[in-house]
Amino acid sequence: MRLCRLNSTVFQAEFRYIMREKLQTELIQVTVLRIKSFSESALNNLTELYIIILIDRESDVITAVER
């Protein structure tokens, strides 16, 4: 019984890690698309700032994107 519980806990931790990594990758892709869309406008500087935040603050990616 203990082994099953441990395996379940490990699986859940791995699943959360994979989902967090996937979300971060998707957010970076969205940001890159924004830069391509607004490459001729003044908004380009703002979206570049978001990329810096996404790379430097991996644990706060969602917060960085919403700001």
PDB file of N, CA and C in Angstrom:
ATOM      1  N   MET A   1       0.819  -1.191   0.000  1.00  0.00           N
ATOM      2  CA  MET A   1       0.000   0.000   0.000  1.00  0.00           C
ATOM      3  C   MET A   1       0.864   1.257   0.000  1.00  0.00           C
ATOM      4  N   ARG A   2       1.924   1.273   0.782  1.00  0.00           N
ATOM      5  CA  ARG A   2       2.799   2.444   0.867  1.00  0.00           C
ATOM      6  C   ARG A   2       3.468   2.746  -0.466  1.00  0.00           C
ATOM      7  N   LEU A   3       3.921   1.694  -1.153  1.00  0.00           N
ATOM      8  CA  LEU A   3       4.598   1.857  -2.432  1.00  0.00           C
ATOM      9  C   LEU A   3       3.662   2.481  -3.465  1.00  0.00           C
ATOM     10  N   CYS A   4       2.419   2.044  -3.485  1.00  0.00           N
ATOM     11  CA  CYS A   4       1.443   2.616  -4.418  1.00  0.00           C
ATOM     12  C   CYS A   4       1.224   4.096  -4.131  1.00  0.00           C
ATOM     13  N   ARG A   5       1.119   4.452  -2.871  1.00  0.00           N
ATOM     14  CA  ARG A   5       0.909   5.848  -2.495  1.00  0.00           C
ATOM     15  C   ARG A   5       2.105   6.706  -2.914  1.00  0.00           C
ATOM     16  N   LEU A   6       3.311   6.193  -2.710  1.00  0.00           N
ATOM     17  CA  LEU A   6       4.525   6.914  -3.096  1.00  0.00           C
ATOM     18  C   LEU A   6       4.576   7.094  -4.608  1.00  0.00           C
ATOM     19  N   ASN A   7       4.286   6.033  -5.351  1.00  0.00           N
ATOM     20  CA  ASN A   7       4.286   6.123  -6.809  1.00  0.00           C
ATOM     21  C   ASN A   7       3.263   7.135  -7.293  1.00  0.00           C
ATOM     22  N   SER A   8       2.109   7.166  -6.666  1.00  0.00           N
ATOM     23  CA  SER A   8       1.075   8.121  -7.035  1.00  0.00           C
ATOM     24  C   SER A   8       1.540   9.552  -6.774  1.00  0.00           C
ATOM     25  N   THR A   9       2.186   9.779  -5.652  1.00  0.00           N
ATOM     26  CA  THR A   9       2.693  11.109  -5.315  1.00  0.00           C
ATOM     27  C   THR A   9       3.764  11.548  -6.302  1.00  0.00           C
ATOM     28  N   VAL A  10       4.659  10.642  -6.632  1.00  0.00           N
ATOM     29  CA  VAL A  10       5.719  10.949  -7.602  1.00  0.00           C
ATOM     30  C   VAL A  10       5.108  11.250  -8.962  1.00  0.00           C
ATOM     31  N   PHE A  11       4.140  10.447  -9.383  1.00  0.00           N
ATOM     32  CA  PHE A  11       3.483  10.669 -10.665  1.00  0.00           C
ATOM     33  C   PHE A  11       2.817  12.040 -10.700  1.00  0.00           C
ATOM     34  N   GLN A  12       2.103  12.399  -9.637  1.00  0.00           N
ATOM     35  CA  GLN A  12       1.433  13.696  -9.589  1.00  0.00           C
ATOM     36  C   GLN A  12       2.434  14.842  -9.658  1.00  0.00           C
ATOM     37  N   ALA A  13       3.555  14.709  -8.975  1.00  0.00           N
ATOM     38  CA  ALA A  13       4.588  15.750  -9.008  1.00  0.00           C
ATOM     39  C   ALA A  13       5.170  15.879 -10.413  1.00  0.00           C
ATOM     40  N   GLU A  14       5.440  14.757 -11.058  1.00  0.00           N
ATOM     41  CA  GLU A  14       5.968  14.791 -12.426  1.00  0.00           C
ATOM     42  C   GLU A  14       4.951  15.398 -13.380  1.00  0.00           C
ATOM     43  N   PHE A  15       3.684  15.050 -13.215  1.00  0.00           N
ATOM     44  CA  PHE A  15       2.631  15.583 -14.074  1.00  0.00           C
ATOM     45  C   PHE A  15       2.531  17.100 -13.924  1.00  0.00           C
ATOM     46  N   ARG A  16       2.563  17.597 -12.680  1.00  0.00           N
ATOM     47  CA  ARG A  16       2.509  19.054 -12.450  1.00  0.00           C
ATOM     48  C   ARG A  16       3.700  19.743 -13.096  1.00  0.00           C
ATOM     49  N   TYR A  17       4.875  19.136 -12.989  1.00  0.00           N
ATOM     50  CA  TYR A  17       6.084  19.715 -13.586  1.00  0.00           C
ATOM     51  C   TYR A  17       5.950  19.791 -15.110  1.00  0.00           C
ATOM     52  N   ILE A  18       5.486  18.705 -15.715  1.00  0.00           N
ATOM     53  CA  ILE A  18       5.324  18.671 -17.174  1.00  0.00           C
ATOM     54  C   ILE A  18       4.310  19.713 -17.620  1.00  0.00           C
ATOM     55  N   MET A  19       3.189  19.830 -16.922  1.00  0.00           N
ATOM     56  CA  MET A  19       2.164  20.806 -17.298  1.00  0.00           C
ATOM     57  C   MET A  19       2.683  22.229 -17.140  1.00  0.00           C
ATOM     58  N   ARG A  20       3.452  22.501 -16.097  1.00  0.00           N
ATOM     59  CA  ARG A  20       4.020  23.836 -15.889  1.00  0.00           C
ATOM     60  C   ARG A  20       4.994  24.173 -17.020  1.00  0.00           C
ATOM     61  N   GLU A  21       5.823  23.204 -17.407  1.00  0.00           N
ATOM     62  CA  GLU A  21       6.768  23.416 -18.513  1.00  0.00           C
ATOM     63  C   GLU A  21       6.019  23.668 -19.813  1.00  0.00           C
ATOM     64  N   LYS A  22       4.944  22.911 -20.041  1.00  0.00           N
ATOM     65  CA  LYS A  22       4.153  23.082 -21.265  1.00  0.00           C
ATOM     66  C   LYS A  22       3.521  24.466 -21.287  1.00  0.00           C
ATOM     67  N   LEU A  23       2.974  24.916 -20.178  1.00  0.00           N
ATOM     68  CA  LEU A  23       2.355  26.234 -20.097  1.00  0.00           C
ATOM     69  C   LEU A  23       3.388  27.322 -20.366  1.00  0.00           C
ATOM     70  N   GLN A  24       4.574  27.198 -19.794  1.00  0.00           N
ATOM     71  CA  GLN A  24       5.620  28.194 -20.019  1.00  0.00           C
ATOM     72  C   GLN A  24       6.000  28.249 -21.490  1.00  0.00           C
ATOM     73  N   THR A  25       6.110  27.088 -22.130  1.00  0.00           N
ATOM     74  CA  THR A  25       6.447  27.045 -23.554  1.00  0.00           C
ATOM     75  C   THR A  25       5.364  27.722 -24.376  1.00  0.00           C
ATOM     76  N   GLU A  26       4.097  27.452 -24.066  1.00  0.00           N
ATOM     77  CA  GLU A  26       2.997  28.067 -24.805  1.00  0.00           C
ATOM     78  C   GLU A  26       2.988  29.577 -24.613  1.00  0.00           C
ATOM     79  N   LEU A  27       3.245  30.055 -23.409  1.00  0.00           N
ATOM     80  CA  LEU A  27       3.252  31.493 -23.162  1.00  0.00           C
ATOM     81  C   LEU A  27       4.383  32.180 -23.913  1.00  0.00           C
ATOM     82  N   ILE A  28       5.528  31.547 -23.987  1.00  0.00           N
ATOM     83  CA  ILE A  28       6.644  32.115 -24.751  1.00  0.00           C
ATOM     84  C   ILE A  28       6.289  32.155 -26.232  1.00  0.00           C
ATOM     85  N   GLN A  29       5.641  31.112 -26.747  1.00  0.00           N
ATOM     86  CA  GLN A  29       5.245  31.094 -28.154  1.00  0.00           C
ATOM     87  C   GLN A  29       4.256  32.212 -28.451  1.00  0.00           C
ATOM     88  N   VAL A  30       3.298  32.441 -27.562  1.00  0.00           N
ATOM     89  CA  VAL A  30       2.325  33.518 -27.742  1.00  0.00           C
ATOM     90  C   VAL A  30       3.031  34.864 -27.761  1.00  0.00           C
ATOM     91  N   THR A  31       3.993  35.056 -26.880  1.00  0.00           N
ATOM     92  CA  THR A  31       4.726  36.317 -26.823  1.00  0.00           C
ATOM     93  C   THR A  31       5.506  36.541 -28.111  1.00  0.00           C
ATOM     94  N   VAL A  32       6.134  35.498 -28.622  1.00  0.00           N
ATOM     95  CA  VAL A  32       6.879  35.621 -29.882  1.00  0.00           C
ATOM     96  C   VAL A  32       5.929  35.981 -31.012  1.00  0.00           C
ATOM     97  N   LEU A  33       4.747  35.394 -31.040  1.00  0.00           N
ATOM     98  CA  LEU A  33       3.764  35.743 -32.067  1.00  0.00           C
ATOM     99  C   LEU A  33       3.359  37.206 -31.961  1.00  0.00           C
ATOM    100  N   ARG A  34       3.218  37.712 -30.746  1.00  0.00           N
ATOM    101  CA  ARG A  34       2.889  39.126 -30.570  1.00  0.00           C
ATOM    102  C   ARG A  34       3.978  40.013 -31.152  1.00  0.00           C
ATOM    103  N   ILE A  35       5.208  39.657 -30.923  1.00  0.00           N
ATOM    104  CA  ILE A  35       6.319  40.457 -31.455  1.00  0.00           C
ATOM    105  C   ILE A  35       6.267  40.459 -32.976  1.00  0.00           C
ATOM    106  N   LYS A  36       6.009  39.321 -33.574  1.00  0.00           N
ATOM    107  CA  LYS A  36       5.921  39.256 -35.036  1.00  0.00           C
ATOM    108  C   LYS A  36       4.757  40.100 -35.536  1.00  0.00           C
ATOM    109  N   SER A  37       3.638  40.078 -34.832  1.00  0.00           N
ATOM    110  CA  SER A  37       2.455  40.829 -35.249  1.00  0.00           C
ATOM    111  C   SER A  37       2.668  42.332 -35.154  1.00  0.00           C
ATOM    112  N   PHE A  38       3.392  42.782 -34.138  1.00  0.00           N
ATOM    113  CA  PHE A  38       3.551  44.213 -33.896  1.00  0.00           C
ATOM    114  C   PHE A  38       4.970  44.697 -34.190  1.00  0.00           C
ATOM    115  N   SER A  39       5.673  44.021 -35.072  1.00  0.00           N
ATOM    116  CA  SER A  39       7.084  44.356 -35.288  1.00  0.00           C
ATOM    117  C   SER A  39       7.288  45.765 -35.831  1.00  0.00           C
ATOM    118  N   GLU A  40       6.279  46.346 -36.457  1.00  0.00           N
ATOM    119  CA  GLU A  40       6.415  47.686 -37.027  1.00  0.00           C
ATOM    120  C   GLU A  40       5.904  48.775 -36.084  1.00  0.00           C
ATOM    121  N   SER A  41       5.399  48.421 -34.923  1.00  0.00           N
ATOM    122  CA  SER A  41       4.780  49.425 -34.054  1.00  0.00           C
ATOM    123  C   SER A  41       5.578  49.648 -32.775  1.00  0.00           C
ATOM    124  N   ALA A  42       5.138  50.618 -31.998  1.00  0.00           N
ATOM    125  CA  ALA A  42       5.806  50.938 -30.731  1.00  0.00           C
ATOM    126  C   ALA A  42       5.578  49.853 -29.683  1.00  0.00           C
ATOM    127  N   LEU A  43       4.585  49.005 -29.862  1.00  0.00           N
ATOM    128  CA  LEU A  43       4.315  47.938 -28.895  1.00  0.00           C
ATOM    129  C   LEU A  43       5.429  46.893 -28.871  1.00  0.00           C
ATOM    130  N   ASN A  44       6.267  46.895 -29.886  1.00  0.00           N
ATOM    131  CA  ASN A  44       7.357  45.916 -29.952  1.00  0.00           C
ATOM    132  C   ASN A  44       8.245  45.990 -28.714  1.00  0.00           C
ATOM    133  N   ASN A  45       8.547  47.180 -28.227  1.00  0.00           N
ATOM    134  CA  ASN A  45       9.394  47.322 -27.044  1.00  0.00           C
ATOM    135  C   ASN A  45       8.744  46.678 -25.825  1.00  0.00           C
ATOM    136  N   LEU A  46       7.448  46.827 -25.689  1.00  0.00           N
ATOM    137  CA  LEU A  46       6.726  46.255 -24.555  1.00  0.00           C
ATOM    138  C   LEU A  46       6.752  44.729 -24.604  1.00  0.00           C
ATOM    139  N   THR A  47       6.522  44.143 -25.776  1.00  0.00           N
ATOM    140  CA  THR A  47       6.510  42.682 -25.866  1.00  0.00           C
ATOM    141  C   THR A  47       7.904  42.107 -25.655  1.00  0.00           C
ATOM    142  N   GLU A  48       8.940  42.825 -26.058  1.00  0.00           N
ATOM    143  CA  GLU A  48      10.294  42.353 -25.776  1.00  0.00           C
ATOM    144  C   GLU A  48      10.541  42.309 -24.271  1.00  0.00           C
ATOM    145  N   LEU A  49       9.995  43.256 -23.549  1.00  0.00           N
ATOM    146  CA  LEU A  49      10.117  43.268 -22.092  1.00  0.00           C
ATOM    147  C   LEU A  49       9.462  42.022 -21.493  1.00  0.00           C
ATOM    148  N   TYR A  50       8.319  41.624 -22.020  1.00  0.00           N
ATOM    149  CA  TYR A  50       7.661  40.414 -21.538  1.00  0.00           C
ATOM    150  C   TYR A  50       8.538  39.182 -21.739  1.00  0.00           C
ATOM    151  N   ILE A  51       9.230  39.085 -22.844  1.00  0.00           N
ATOM    152  CA  ILE A  51      10.099  37.927 -23.071  1.00  0.00           C
ATOM    153  C   ILE A  51      11.195  37.879 -22.022  1.00  0.00           C
ATOM    154  N   ILE A  52      11.774  39.014 -21.699  1.00  0.00           N
ATOM    155  CA  ILE A  52      12.822  39.059 -20.672  1.00  0.00           C
ATOM    156  C   ILE A  52      12.265  38.567 -19.341  1.00  0.00           C
ATOM    157  N   ILE A  53      11.079  38.992 -18.989  1.00  0.00           N
ATOM    158  CA  ILE A  53      10.459  38.557 -17.735  1.00  0.00           C
ATOM    159  C   ILE A  53      10.188  37.052 -17.776  1.00  0.00           C
ATOM    160  N   LEU A  54       9.691  36.552 -18.893  1.00  0.00           N
ATOM    161  CA  LEU A  54       9.399  35.126 -19.006  1.00  0.00           C
ATOM    162  C   LEU A  54      10.654  34.281 -18.820  1.00  0.00           C
ATOM    163  N   ILE A  55      11.749  34.722 -19.355  1.00  0.00           N
ATOM    164  CA  ILE A  55      12.983  33.948 -19.244  1.00  0.00           C
ATOM    165  C   ILE A  55      13.577  34.056 -17.843  1.00  0.00           C
ATOM    166  N   ASP A  56      13.559  35.255 -17.264  1.00  0.00           N
ATOM    167  CA  ASP A  56      14.212  35.470 -15.975  1.00  0.00           C
ATOM    168  C   ASP A  56      13.389  34.984 -14.786  1.00  0.00           C
ATOM    169  N   ARG A  57      12.091  34.931 -14.912  1.00  0.00           N
ATOM    170  CA  ARG A  57      11.239  34.595 -13.769  1.00  0.00           C
ATOM    171  C   ARG A  57      10.351  33.419 -14.125  1.00  0.00           C
ATOM    172  N   GLU A  58      10.945  32.263 -14.315  1.00  0.00           N
ATOM    173  CA  GLU A  58      10.205  31.094 -14.771  1.00  0.00           C
ATOM    174  C   GLU A  58       9.042  30.731 -13.864  1.00  0.00           C
ATOM    175  N   SER A  59       9.176  30.927 -12.577  1.00  0.00           N
ATOM    176  CA  SER A  59       8.099  30.523 -11.667  1.00  0.00           C
ATOM    177  C   SER A  59       6.928  31.497 -11.686  1.00  0.00           C
ATOM    178  N   ASP A  60       7.112  32.704 -12.210  1.00  0.00           N
ATOM    179  CA  ASP A  60       6.047  33.707 -12.248  1.00  0.00           C
ATOM    180  C   ASP A  60       5.627  34.038 -13.673  1.00  0.00           C
ATOM    181  N   VAL A  61       5.654  33.072 -14.541  1.00  0.00           N
ATOM    182  CA  VAL A  61       5.359  33.330 -15.947  1.00  0.00           C
ATOM    183  C   VAL A  61       3.958  33.893 -16.129  1.00  0.00           C
ATOM    184  N   ILE A  62       2.982  33.308 -15.475  1.00  0.00           N
ATOM    185  CA  ILE A  62       1.607  33.759 -15.659  1.00  0.00           C
ATOM    186  C   ILE A  62       1.450  35.198 -15.193  1.00  0.00           C
ATOM    187  N   THR A  63       2.005  35.537 -14.058  1.00  0.00           N
ATOM    188  CA  THR A  63       1.945  36.901 -13.541  1.00  0.00           C
ATOM    189  C   THR A  63       2.600  37.874 -14.508  1.00  0.00           C
ATOM    190  N   ALA A  64       3.725  37.490 -15.052  1.00  0.00           N
ATOM    191  CA  ALA A  64       4.454  38.368 -15.971  1.00  0.00           C
ATOM    192  C   ALA A  64       3.638  38.645 -17.217  1.00  0.00           C
ATOM    193  N   VAL A  65       2.953  37.656 -17.726  1.00  0.00           N
ATOM    194  CA  VAL A  65       2.183  37.831 -18.950  1.00  0.00           C
ATOM    195  C   VAL A  65       0.955  38.691 -18.708  1.00  0.00           C
ATOM    196  N   GLU A  66       0.349  38.594 -17.548  1.00  0.00           N
ATOM    197  CA  GLU A  66      -0.872  39.345 -17.278  1.00  0.00           C
ATOM    198  C   GLU A  66      -0.616  40.820 -17.003  1.00  0.00           C
ATOM    199  N   ARG A  67       0.586  41.170 -16.658  1.00  0.00           N
ATOM    200  CA  ARG A  67       0.871  42.565 -16.325  1.00  0.00           C
ATOM    201  C   ARG A  67       0.924  43.435 -17.536  1.00  0.00           C
TER     202      ARG A  67
END
